[in-house]
Amino acid sequence: GMVRVIGKAPAPTQDRPIPAEVYNIGCGHP
């Protein structure tokens, strides 16, 4: 997951002018 994220930086858009993102990275099975 990290390798994929590093290679694709967030870009500003009309709906999201600030290029900042936060993601959960987990298994999804408690």
PDB file of all heavy atoms in Angstrom:
ATOM      1  N   GLY A   1       0.814  -1.212   0.000  1.00  0.00           N
ATOM      2  CA  GLY A   1       0.000   0.000   0.000  1.00  0.00           C
ATOM      3  C   GLY A   1       0.845   1.259   0.000  1.00  0.00           C
ATOM      4  O   GLY A   1       0.539   2.227  -0.714  1.00  0.00           O
ATOM      5  N   MET A   2       1.926   1.272   0.772  1.00  0.00           N
ATOM      6  CA  MET A   2       2.775   2.452   0.858  1.00  0.00           C
ATOM      7  C   MET A   2       3.446   2.762  -0.475  1.00  0.00           C
ATOM      8  O   MET A   2       3.524   3.923  -0.889  1.00  0.00           O
ATOM      9  CB  MET A   2       3.828   2.262   1.942  1.00  0.00           C
ATOM     10  CG  MET A   2       3.284   2.229   3.352  1.00  0.00           C
ATOM     11  SD  MET A   2       4.593   2.223   4.588  1.00  0.00           S
ATOM     12  CE  MET A   2       5.211   3.906   4.422  1.00  0.00           C
ATOM     13  N   VAL A   3       3.959   1.741  -1.135  1.00  0.00           N
ATOM     14  CA  VAL A   3       4.634   1.939  -2.413  1.00  0.00           C
ATOM     15  C   VAL A   3       3.674   2.565  -3.428  1.00  0.00           C
ATOM     16  O   VAL A   3       4.051   3.460  -4.197  1.00  0.00           O
ATOM     17  CB  VAL A   3       5.201   0.609  -2.935  1.00  0.00           C
ATOM     18  CG1 VAL A   3       5.660   0.741  -4.381  1.00  0.00           C
ATOM     19  CG2 VAL A   3       6.365   0.163  -2.057  1.00  0.00           C
ATOM     20  N   ARG A   4       2.446   2.099  -3.431  1.00  0.00           N
ATOM     21  CA  ARG A   4       1.459   2.671  -4.347  1.00  0.00           C
ATOM     22  C   ARG A   4       1.175   4.137  -4.028  1.00  0.00           C
ATOM     23  O   ARG A   4       1.038   4.962  -4.934  1.00  0.00           O
ATOM     24  CB  ARG A   4       0.170   1.851  -4.300  1.00  0.00           C
ATOM     25  CG  ARG A   4       0.343   0.399  -4.739  1.00  0.00           C
ATOM     26  CD  ARG A   4      -0.989  -0.313  -4.847  1.00  0.00           C
ATOM     27  NE  ARG A   4      -0.814  -1.735  -5.112  1.00  0.00           N
ATOM     28  CZ  ARG A   4      -1.771  -2.546  -5.511  1.00  0.00           C
ATOM     29  NH1 ARG A   4      -3.010  -2.068  -5.693  1.00  0.00           N
ATOM     30  NH2 ARG A   4      -1.527  -3.830  -5.709  1.00  0.00           N
ATOM     31  N   VAL A   5       1.099   4.450  -2.751  1.00  0.00           N
ATOM     32  CA  VAL A   5       0.810   5.825  -2.340  1.00  0.00           C
ATOM     33  C   VAL A   5       1.961   6.754  -2.686  1.00  0.00           C
ATOM     34  O   VAL A   5       1.756   7.868  -3.188  1.00  0.00           O
ATOM     35  CB  VAL A   5       0.503   5.867  -0.826  1.00  0.00           C
ATOM     36  CG1 VAL A   5       0.499   7.317  -0.315  1.00  0.00           C
ATOM     37  CG2 VAL A   5      -0.836   5.209  -0.525  1.00  0.00           C
ATOM     38  N   ILE A   6       3.194   6.328  -2.421  1.00  0.00           N
ATOM     39  CA  ILE A   6       4.367   7.179  -2.677  1.00  0.00           C
ATOM     40  C   ILE A   6       4.419   7.624  -4.133  1.00  0.00           C
ATOM     41  O   ILE A   6       4.753   8.768  -4.439  1.00  0.00           O
ATOM     42  CB  ILE A   6       5.661   6.435  -2.295  1.00  0.00           C
ATOM     43  CG1 ILE A   6       5.715   6.212  -0.777  1.00  0.00           C
ATOM     44  CG2 ILE A   6       6.902   7.219  -2.742  1.00  0.00           C
ATOM     45  CD1 ILE A   6       6.798   5.238  -0.350  1.00  0.00           C
ATOM     46  N   GLY A   7       4.072   6.720  -5.033  1.00  0.00           N
ATOM     47  CA  GLY A   7       4.166   7.011  -6.461  1.00  0.00           C
ATOM     48  C   GLY A   7       3.057   7.869  -7.021  1.00  0.00           C
ATOM     49  O   GLY A   7       3.073   8.203  -8.224  1.00  0.00           O
ATOM     50  N   LYS A   8       2.085   8.268  -6.213  1.00  0.00           N
ATOM     51  CA  LYS A   8       0.946   9.046  -6.710  1.00  0.00           C
ATOM     52  C   LYS A   8       0.598  10.127  -5.693  1.00  0.00           C
ATOM     53  O   LYS A   8      -0.177   9.901  -4.774  1.00  0.00           O
ATOM     54  CB  LYS A   8      -0.256   8.132  -6.968  1.00  0.00           C
ATOM     55  CG  LYS A   8      -1.469   8.849  -7.558  1.00  0.00           C
ATOM     56  CD  LYS A   8      -2.633   7.880  -7.744  1.00  0.00           C
ATOM     57  CE  LYS A   8      -3.880   8.597  -8.268  1.00  0.00           C
ATOM     58  NZ  LYS A   8      -5.035   7.652  -8.395  1.00  0.00           N
ATOM     59  N   ALA A   9       1.168  11.296  -5.869  1.00  0.00           N
ATOM     60  CA  ALA A   9       0.912  12.405  -4.952  1.00  0.00           C
ATOM     61  C   ALA A   9      -0.462  13.005  -5.214  1.00  0.00           C
ATOM     62  O   ALA A   9      -0.909  13.074  -6.364  1.00  0.00           O
ATOM     63  CB  ALA A   9       1.985  13.475  -5.111  1.00  0.00           C
ATOM     64  N   PRO A  10      -1.164  13.448  -4.175  1.00  0.00           N
ATOM     65  CA  PRO A  10      -2.463  14.097  -4.378  1.00  0.00           C
ATOM     66  C   PRO A  10      -2.299  15.422  -5.111  1.00  0.00           C
ATOM     67  O   PRO A  10      -1.333  16.161  -4.875  1.00  0.00           O
ATOM     68  CB  PRO A  10      -2.991  14.305  -2.961  1.00  0.00           C
ATOM     69  CG  PRO A  10      -1.778  14.309  -2.093  1.00  0.00           C
ATOM     70  CD  PRO A  10      -0.798  13.370  -2.754  1.00  0.00           C
ATOM     71  N   ALA A  11      -3.221  15.701  -6.012  1.00  0.00           N
ATOM     72  CA  ALA A  11      -3.195  16.951  -6.777  1.00  0.00           C
ATOM     73  C   ALA A  11      -4.435  17.760  -6.453  1.00  0.00           C
ATOM     74  O   ALA A  11      -5.503  17.200  -6.206  1.00  0.00           O
ATOM     75  CB  ALA A  11      -3.133  16.651  -8.273  1.00  0.00           C
ATOM     76  N   PRO A  12      -4.314  19.083  -6.424  1.00  0.00           N
ATOM     77  CA  PRO A  12      -5.487  19.912  -6.132  1.00  0.00           C
ATOM     78  C   PRO A  12      -6.545  19.781  -7.233  1.00  0.00           C
ATOM     79  O   PRO A  12      -6.223  19.697  -8.411  1.00  0.00           O
ATOM     80  CB  PRO A  12      -4.911  21.326  -6.073  1.00  0.00           C
ATOM     81  CG  PRO A  12      -3.616  21.265  -6.805  1.00  0.00           C
ATOM     82  CD  PRO A  12      -3.099  19.878  -6.644  1.00  0.00           C
ATOM     83  N   THR A  13      -7.783  19.761  -6.823  1.00  0.00           N
ATOM     84  CA  THR A  13      -8.903  19.718  -7.750  1.00  0.00           C
ATOM     85  C   THR A  13      -9.898  20.803  -7.363  1.00  0.00           C
ATOM     86  O   THR A  13      -9.747  21.473  -6.340  1.00  0.00           O
ATOM     87  CB  THR A  13      -9.592  18.343  -7.726  1.00  0.00           C
ATOM     88  OG1 THR A  13     -10.183  18.129  -6.433  1.00  0.00           O
ATOM     89  CG2 THR A  13      -8.605  17.232  -8.028  1.00  0.00           C
ATOM     90  N   GLN A  14     -10.946  20.949  -8.169  1.00  0.00           N
ATOM     91  CA  GLN A  14     -11.965  21.941  -7.859  1.00  0.00           C
ATOM     92  C   GLN A  14     -12.694  21.602  -6.563  1.00  0.00           C
ATOM     93  O   GLN A  14     -13.015  22.485  -5.769  1.00  0.00           O
ATOM     94  CB  GLN A  14     -12.974  22.032  -9.006  1.00  0.00           C
ATOM     95  CG  GLN A  14     -13.990  23.159  -8.838  1.00  0.00           C
ATOM     96  CD  GLN A  14     -14.886  23.320 -10.049  1.00  0.00           C
ATOM     97  OE1 GLN A  14     -14.752  22.598 -11.039  1.00  0.00           O
ATOM     98  NE2 GLN A  14     -15.811  24.274  -9.994  1.00  0.00           N
ATOM     99  N   ASP A  15     -12.929  20.323  -6.354  1.00  0.00           N
ATOM    100  CA  ASP A  15     -13.604  19.893  -5.137  1.00  0.00           C
ATOM    101  C   ASP A  15     -12.671  19.839  -3.935  1.00  0.00           C
ATOM    102  O   ASP A  15     -13.116  19.919  -2.791  1.00  0.00           O
ATOM    103  CB  ASP A  15     -14.242  18.517  -5.353  1.00  0.00           C
ATOM    104  CG  ASP A  15     -15.329  18.543  -6.417  1.00  0.00           C
ATOM    105  OD1 ASP A  15     -15.966  19.604  -6.588  1.00  0.00           O
ATOM    106  OD2 ASP A  15     -15.525  17.496  -7.081  1.00  0.00           O
ATOM    107  N   ARG A  16     -11.364  19.676  -4.203  1.00  0.00           N
ATOM    108  CA  ARG A  16     -10.386  19.550  -3.122  1.00  0.00           C
ATOM    109  C   ARG A  16      -9.168  20.388  -3.488  1.00  0.00           C
ATOM    110  O   ARG A  16      -8.198  19.909  -4.015  1.00  0.00           O
ATOM    111  CB  ARG A  16     -10.001  18.080  -2.928  1.00  0.00           C
ATOM    112  CG  ARG A  16      -9.146  17.788  -1.712  1.00  0.00           C
ATOM    113  CD  ARG A  16      -8.473  16.426  -1.862  1.00  0.00           C
ATOM    114  NE  ARG A  16      -7.594  16.404  -3.029  1.00  0.00           N
ATOM    115  CZ  ARG A  16      -7.157  15.329  -3.639  1.00  0.00           C
ATOM    116  NH1 ARG A  16      -7.546  14.173  -3.240  1.00  0.00           N
ATOM    117  NH2 ARG A  16      -6.360  15.407  -4.707  1.00  0.00           N
ATOM    118  N   PRO A  17      -9.221  21.690  -3.194  1.00  0.00           N
ATOM    119  CA  PRO A  17      -8.125  22.574  -3.610  1.00  0.00           C
ATOM    120  C   PRO A  17      -6.824  22.351  -2.853  1.00  0.00           C
ATOM    121  O   PRO A  17      -5.762  22.742  -3.339  1.00  0.00           O
ATOM    122  CB  PRO A  17      -8.689  23.970  -3.335  1.00  0.00           C
ATOM    123  CG  PRO A  17      -9.721  23.767  -2.260  1.00  0.00           C
ATOM    124  CD  PRO A  17     -10.324  22.423  -2.531  1.00  0.00           C
ATOM    125  N   ILE A  18      -6.880  21.757  -1.670  1.00  0.00           N
ATOM    126  CA  ILE A  18      -5.676  21.511  -0.871  1.00  0.00           C
ATOM    127  C   ILE A  18      -5.180  20.093  -1.143  1.00  0.00           C
ATOM    128  O   ILE A  18      -5.921  19.127  -0.946  1.00  0.00           O
ATOM    129  CB  ILE A  18      -5.962  21.706   0.626  1.00  0.00           C
ATOM    130  CG1 ILE A  18      -6.352  23.159   0.900  1.00  0.00           C
ATOM    131  CG2 ILE A  18      -4.736  21.328   1.454  1.00  0.00           C
ATOM    132  CD1 ILE A  18      -6.731  23.420   2.344  1.00  0.00           C
ATOM    133  N   PRO A  19      -3.920  19.918  -1.602  1.00  0.00           N
ATOM    134  CA  PRO A  19      -3.403  18.579  -1.961  1.00  0.00           C
ATOM    135  C   PRO A  19      -2.973  17.759  -0.747  1.00  0.00           C
ATOM    136  O   PRO A  19      -1.798  17.412  -0.587  1.00  0.00           O
ATOM    137  CB  PRO A  19      -2.224  18.897  -2.873  1.00  0.00           C
ATOM    138  CG  PRO A  19      -1.709  20.204  -2.354  1.00  0.00           C
ATOM    139  CD  PRO A  19      -2.927  20.978  -1.887  1.00  0.00           C
ATOM    140  N   ALA A  20      -3.908  17.449   0.121  1.00  0.00           N
ATOM    141  CA  ALA A  20      -3.630  16.694   1.340  1.00  0.00           C
ATOM    142  C   ALA A  20      -4.640  15.564   1.472  1.00  0.00           C
ATOM    143  O   ALA A  20      -5.845  15.792   1.332  1.00  0.00           O
ATOM    144  CB  ALA A  20      -3.682  17.588   2.572  1.00  0.00           C
ATOM    145  N   GLU A  21      -4.144  14.363   1.724  1.00  0.00           N
ATOM    146  CA  GLU A  21      -5.008  13.213   1.886  1.00  0.00           C
ATOM    147  C   GLU A  21      -4.604  12.418   3.125  1.00  0.00           C
ATOM    148  O   GLU A  21      -3.444  12.457   3.567  1.00  0.00           O
ATOM    149  CB  GLU A  21      -4.949  12.286   0.663  1.00  0.00           C
ATOM    150  CG  GLU A  21      -5.674  12.809  -0.566  1.00  0.00           C
ATOM    151  CD  GLU A  21      -7.175  12.669  -0.463  1.00  0.00           C
ATOM    152  OE1 GLU A  21      -7.688  12.304   0.624  1.00  0.00           O
ATOM    153  OE2 GLU A  21      -7.841  12.909  -1.489  1.00  0.00           O
ATOM    154  N   VAL A  22      -5.568  11.702   3.670  1.00  0.00           N
ATOM    155  CA  VAL A  22      -5.326  10.771   4.770  1.00  0.00           C
ATOM    156  C   VAL A  22      -6.039   9.472   4.435  1.00  0.00           C
ATOM    157  O   VAL A  22      -7.195   9.486   3.991  1.00  0.00           O
ATOM    158  CB  VAL A  22      -5.832  11.316   6.117  1.00  0.00           C
ATOM    159  CG1 VAL A  22      -5.694  10.261   7.210  1.00  0.00           C
ATOM    160  CG2 VAL A  22      -5.074  12.576   6.518  1.00  0.00           C
ATOM    161  N   TYR A  23      -5.345   8.338   4.622  1.00  0.00           N
ATOM    162  CA  TYR A  23      -5.910   7.033   4.315  1.00  0.00           C
ATOM    163  C   TYR A  23      -5.730   6.063   5.486  1.00  0.00           C
ATOM    164  O   TYR A  23      -4.690   6.077   6.160  1.00  0.00           O
ATOM    165  CB  TYR A  23      -5.222   6.398   3.095  1.00  0.00           C
ATOM    166  CG  TYR A  23      -5.452   7.109   1.784  1.00  0.00           C
ATOM    167  CD1 TYR A  23      -4.549   8.067   1.328  1.00  0.00           C
ATOM    168  CD2 TYR A  23      -6.550   6.815   0.991  1.00  0.00           C
ATOM    169  CE1 TYR A  23      -4.736   8.714   0.122  1.00  0.00           C
ATOM    170  CE2 TYR A  23      -6.747   7.452  -0.229  1.00  0.00           C
ATOM    171  CZ  TYR A  23      -5.845   8.397  -0.647  1.00  0.00           C
ATOM    172  OH  TYR A  23      -6.045   9.037  -1.863  1.00  0.00           O
ATOM    173  N   ASN A  24      -6.730   5.232   5.702  1.00  0.00           N
ATOM    174  CA  ASN A  24      -6.550   4.048   6.540  1.00  0.00           C
ATOM    175  C   ASN A  24      -5.766   3.010   5.744  1.00  0.00           C
ATOM    176  O   ASN A  24      -6.031   2.793   4.556  1.00  0.00           O
ATOM    177  CB  ASN A  24      -7.895   3.429   6.925  1.00  0.00           C
ATOM    178  CG  ASN A  24      -8.679   4.264   7.901  1.00  0.00           C
ATOM    179  OD1 ASN A  24      -8.122   5.061   8.651  1.00  0.00           O
ATOM    180  ND2 ASN A  24      -9.993   4.081   7.914  1.00  0.00           N
ATOM    181  N   ILE A  25      -4.833   2.349   6.396  1.00  0.00           N
ATOM    182  CA  ILE A  25      -4.144   1.228   5.769  1.00  0.00           C
ATOM    183  C   ILE A  25      -4.105   0.086   6.793  1.00  0.00           C
ATOM    184  O   ILE A  25      -3.360   0.107   7.770  1.00  0.00           O
ATOM    185  CB  ILE A  25      -2.740   1.625   5.265  1.00  0.00           C
ATOM    186  CG1 ILE A  25      -2.050   0.457   4.581  1.00  0.00           C
ATOM    187  CG2 ILE A  25      -1.877   2.233   6.364  1.00  0.00           C
ATOM    188  CD1 ILE A  25      -0.842   0.863   3.750  1.00  0.00           C
ATOM    189  N   GLY A  26      -4.978  -0.864   6.575  1.00  0.00           N
ATOM    190  CA  GLY A  26      -5.138  -1.973   7.506  1.00  0.00           C
ATOM    191  C   GLY A  26      -5.684  -3.184   6.788  1.00  0.00           C
ATOM    192  O   GLY A  26      -5.820  -3.203   5.556  1.00  0.00           O
ATOM    193  N   CYS A  27      -6.020  -4.200   7.544  1.00  0.00           N
ATOM    194  CA  CYS A  27      -6.515  -5.443   6.971  1.00  0.00           C
ATOM    195  C   CYS A  27      -8.023  -5.397   6.733  1.00  0.00           C
ATOM    196  O   CYS A  27      -8.537  -6.005   5.808  1.00  0.00           O
ATOM    197  CB  CYS A  27      -6.163  -6.618   7.883  1.00  0.00           C
ATOM    198  SG  CYS A  27      -6.524  -8.236   7.183  1.00  0.00           S
ATOM    199  N   GLY A  28      -8.741  -4.687   7.611  1.00  0.00           N
ATOM    200  CA  GLY A  28     -10.182  -4.613   7.483  1.00  0.00           C
ATOM    201  C   GLY A  28     -10.916  -5.810   8.053  1.00  0.00           C
ATOM    202  O   GLY A  28     -12.089  -6.026   7.752  1.00  0.00           O
ATOM    203  N   HIS A  29     -10.204  -6.578   8.910  1.00  0.00           N
ATOM    204  CA  HIS A  29     -10.816  -7.757   9.538  1.00  0.00           C
ATOM    205  C   HIS A  29     -10.380  -7.817  10.998  1.00  0.00           C
ATOM    206  O   HIS A  29      -9.369  -8.454  11.321  1.00  0.00           O
ATOM    207  CB  HIS A  29     -10.409  -9.043   8.806  1.00  0.00           C
ATOM    208  CG  HIS A  29     -10.863  -9.102   7.383  1.00  0.00           C
ATOM    209  ND1 HIS A  29     -12.169  -9.335   7.022  1.00  0.00           N
ATOM    210  CD2 HIS A  29     -10.183  -8.934   6.227  1.00  0.00           C
ATOM    211  CE1 HIS A  29     -12.268  -9.324   5.699  1.00  0.00           C
ATOM    212  NE2 HIS A  29     -11.093  -9.077   5.191  1.00  0.00           N
ATOM    213  N   PRO A  30     -11.095  -7.152  11.901  1.00  0.00           N
ATOM    214  CA  PRO A  30     -10.684  -7.173  13.312  1.00  0.00           C
ATOM    215  C   PRO A  30     -10.759  -8.574  13.901  1.00  0.00           C
ATOM    216  O   PRO A  30     -11.626  -9.368  13.549  1.00  0.00           O
ATOM    217  CB  PRO A  30     -11.685  -6.233  13.976  1.00  0.00           C
ATOM    218  CG  PRO A  30     -12.885  -6.280  13.101  1.00  0.00           C
ATOM    219  CD  PRO A  30     -12.350  -6.422  11.704  1.00  0.00           C
TER     220      PRO A  30
END
